[in-house]
Structure formats: C-alpha cells, structure tokens
Amino acid sequence: MASAFIGVVIALAVGLFVGNSSQRAKRARLDYQRTKALIPAARKVAIEETMRGLGVVATAIAVVVGLGFVMYLLGKQ
C-alpha cells in the first residue's frame, strides 16, 4: 500500500513538472510567432524613417553647398 502511494506521489510530481514545462514551451512558441509576425512591419517603418533622415541630410548638404557657391561667386566680384 505504501509503495503504491509513493508511486502515485512520484507520478503526480513528474506529471506536474512535465505539464508546467509543456505550458511554458507553448507560451514561448506563441510569443515567438507573434514577434516574428511584427518584424516585417517594424522593418518597413525603420526603412521609411531612414530614408526620411537621409532626405533631411541631403537637403542640408545641398543648402550648405549652394550657400558656399553663392558666397564664392559674391567674393569673386
């Protein structure tokens, strides 16, 4: 009788451990799939923001070069 009780307790402990591990694995897989689905949208936003920043930098460089050219022409007179 006592050995059957010990066997039941051990089986219960192992079952709880395996069930808990299985539940954690399912949650981790779901989190992974959700995060993986968000990556294309995040990549698109990052590329758009990078292009916007490059446009601002290119505009600033064009203005500085243009002003330098105008100052050069005015100084030449």
C-alpha atoms as a PDB file:
ATOM      1  CA  MET A   1       0.000   0.000   0.000  1.00  0.00           C
ATOM      2  CA  ALA A   2       2.775   2.419   0.943  1.00  0.00           C
ATOM      3  CA  SER A   3       4.726   1.701  -2.236  1.00  0.00           C
ATOM      4  CA  ALA A   4       1.627   2.409  -4.354  1.00  0.00           C
ATOM      5  CA  PHE A   5       1.174   5.729  -2.556  1.00  0.00           C
ATOM      6  CA  ILE A   6       4.831   6.649  -3.171  1.00  0.00           C
ATOM      7  CA  GLY A   7       4.427   5.704  -6.852  1.00  0.00           C
ATOM      8  CA  VAL A   8       1.331   7.917  -7.140  1.00  0.00           C
ATOM      9  CA  VAL A   9       3.133  10.854  -5.499  1.00  0.00           C
ATOM     10  CA  ILE A  10       6.140  10.445  -7.810  1.00  0.00           C
ATOM     11  CA  ALA A  11       3.892  10.193 -10.882  1.00  0.00           C
ATOM     12  CA  LEU A  12       1.987  13.285  -9.762  1.00  0.00           C
ATOM     13  CA  ALA A  13       5.218  15.253  -9.252  1.00  0.00           C
ATOM     14  CA  VAL A  14       6.581  14.212 -12.646  1.00  0.00           C
ATOM     15  CA  GLY A  15       3.237  14.997 -14.289  1.00  0.00           C
ATOM     16  CA  LEU A  16       3.172  18.476 -12.773  1.00  0.00           C
ATOM     17  CA  PHE A  17       6.744  19.135 -13.900  1.00  0.00           C
ATOM     18  CA  VAL A  18       6.111  17.920 -17.460  1.00  0.00           C
ATOM     19  CA  GLY A  19       2.805  19.803 -17.703  1.00  0.00           C
ATOM     20  CA  ASN A  20       4.384  23.023 -16.476  1.00  0.00           C
ATOM     21  CA  SER A  21       7.270  22.666 -18.914  1.00  0.00           C
ATOM     22  CA  SER A  22       4.872  21.955 -21.769  1.00  0.00           C
ATOM     23  CA  GLN A  23       2.787  25.031 -20.953  1.00  0.00           C
ATOM     24  CA  ARG A  24       5.902  27.228 -20.851  1.00  0.00           C
ATOM     25  CA  ALA A  25       7.039  25.854 -24.207  1.00  0.00           C
ATOM     26  CA  LYS A  26       3.619  26.585 -25.760  1.00  0.00           C
ATOM     27  CA  ARG A  27       3.679  30.156 -24.410  1.00  0.00           C
ATOM     28  CA  ALA A  28       7.220  30.697 -25.691  1.00  0.00           C
ATOM     29  CA  ARG A  29       6.238  29.412 -29.137  1.00  0.00           C
ATOM     30  CA  LEU A  30       3.219  31.738 -29.237  1.00  0.00           C
ATOM     31  CA  ASP A  31       5.380  34.719 -28.206  1.00  0.00           C
ATOM     32  CA  TYR A  32       7.899  33.805 -30.902  1.00  0.00           C
ATOM     33  CA  GLN A  33       5.223  33.627 -33.586  1.00  0.00           C
ATOM     34  CA  ARG A  34       3.719  36.977 -32.538  1.00  0.00           C
ATOM     35  CA  THR A  35       7.114  38.674 -32.539  1.00  0.00           C
ATOM     36  CA  LYS A  36       8.032  37.118 -35.880  1.00  0.00           C
ATOM     37  CA  ALA A  37       4.814  38.497 -37.387  1.00  0.00           C
ATOM     38  CA  LEU A  38       5.717  42.041 -36.237  1.00  0.00           C
ATOM     39  CA  ILE A  39       9.181  42.090 -37.835  1.00  0.00           C
ATOM     40  CA  PRO A  40       8.139  42.988 -41.440  1.00  0.00           C
ATOM     41  CA  ALA A  41       6.111  45.988 -40.251  1.00  0.00           C
ATOM     42  CA  ALA A  42       8.935  47.157 -37.983  1.00  0.00           C
ATOM     43  CA  ARG A  43      11.442  46.749 -40.820  1.00  0.00           C
ATOM     44  CA  LYS A  44       9.241  48.815 -43.144  1.00  0.00           C
ATOM     45  CA  VAL A  45       8.962  51.622 -40.574  1.00  0.00           C
ATOM     46  CA  ALA A  46      12.728  51.565 -39.976  1.00  0.00           C
ATOM     47  CA  ILE A  47      13.452  51.850 -43.704  1.00  0.00           C
ATOM     48  CA  GLU A  48      10.965  54.714 -44.096  1.00  0.00           C
ATOM     49  CA  GLU A  49      12.479  56.615 -41.169  1.00  0.00           C
ATOM     50  CA  THR A  50      15.998  56.049 -42.507  1.00  0.00           C
ATOM     51  CA  MET A  51      15.013  57.387 -45.927  1.00  0.00           C
ATOM     52  CA  ARG A  52      13.352  60.411 -44.333  1.00  0.00           C
ATOM     53  CA  GLY A  53      16.516  61.122 -42.341  1.00  0.00           C
ATOM     54  CA  LEU A  54      18.697  60.742 -45.432  1.00  0.00           C
ATOM     55  CA  GLY A  55      16.432  63.205 -47.248  1.00  0.00           C
ATOM     56  CA  VAL A  56      16.901  65.765 -44.489  1.00  0.00           C
ATOM     57  CA  VAL A  57      20.680  65.277 -44.533  1.00  0.00           C
ATOM     58  CA  ALA A  58      20.820  65.520 -48.348  1.00  0.00           C
ATOM     59  CA  THR A  59      18.760  68.708 -48.273  1.00  0.00           C
ATOM     60  CA  ALA A  60      21.019  70.237 -45.615  1.00  0.00           C
ATOM     61  CA  ILE A  61      24.122  69.348 -47.624  1.00  0.00           C
ATOM     62  CA  ALA A  62      22.618  70.837 -50.797  1.00  0.00           C
ATOM     63  CA  VAL A  63      21.774  74.078 -48.966  1.00  0.00           C
ATOM     64  CA  VAL A  64      25.273  74.363 -47.475  1.00  0.00           C
ATOM     65  CA  VAL A  65      26.950  73.664 -50.838  1.00  0.00           C
ATOM     66  CA  GLY A  66      24.655  76.154 -52.570  1.00  0.00           C
ATOM     67  CA  LEU A  67      25.372  78.843 -49.999  1.00  0.00           C
ATOM     68  CA  GLY A  68      29.085  78.174 -50.295  1.00  0.00           C
ATOM     69  CA  PHE A  69      28.898  78.527 -54.062  1.00  0.00           C
ATOM     70  CA  VAL A  70      26.963  81.801 -53.779  1.00  0.00           C
ATOM     71  CA  MET A  71      29.488  83.150 -51.256  1.00  0.00           C
ATOM     72  CA  TYR A  72      32.307  82.146 -53.598  1.00  0.00           C
ATOM     73  CA  LEU A  73      30.674  83.975 -56.535  1.00  0.00           C
ATOM     74  CA  LEU A  74      29.986  87.089 -54.442  1.00  0.00           C
ATOM     75  CA  GLY A  75      33.540  87.130 -53.138  1.00  0.00           C
ATOM     76  CA  LYS A  76      34.909  86.894 -56.656  1.00  0.00           C
ATOM     77  CA  GLN A  77      33.341  90.186 -57.744  1.00  0.00           C
END
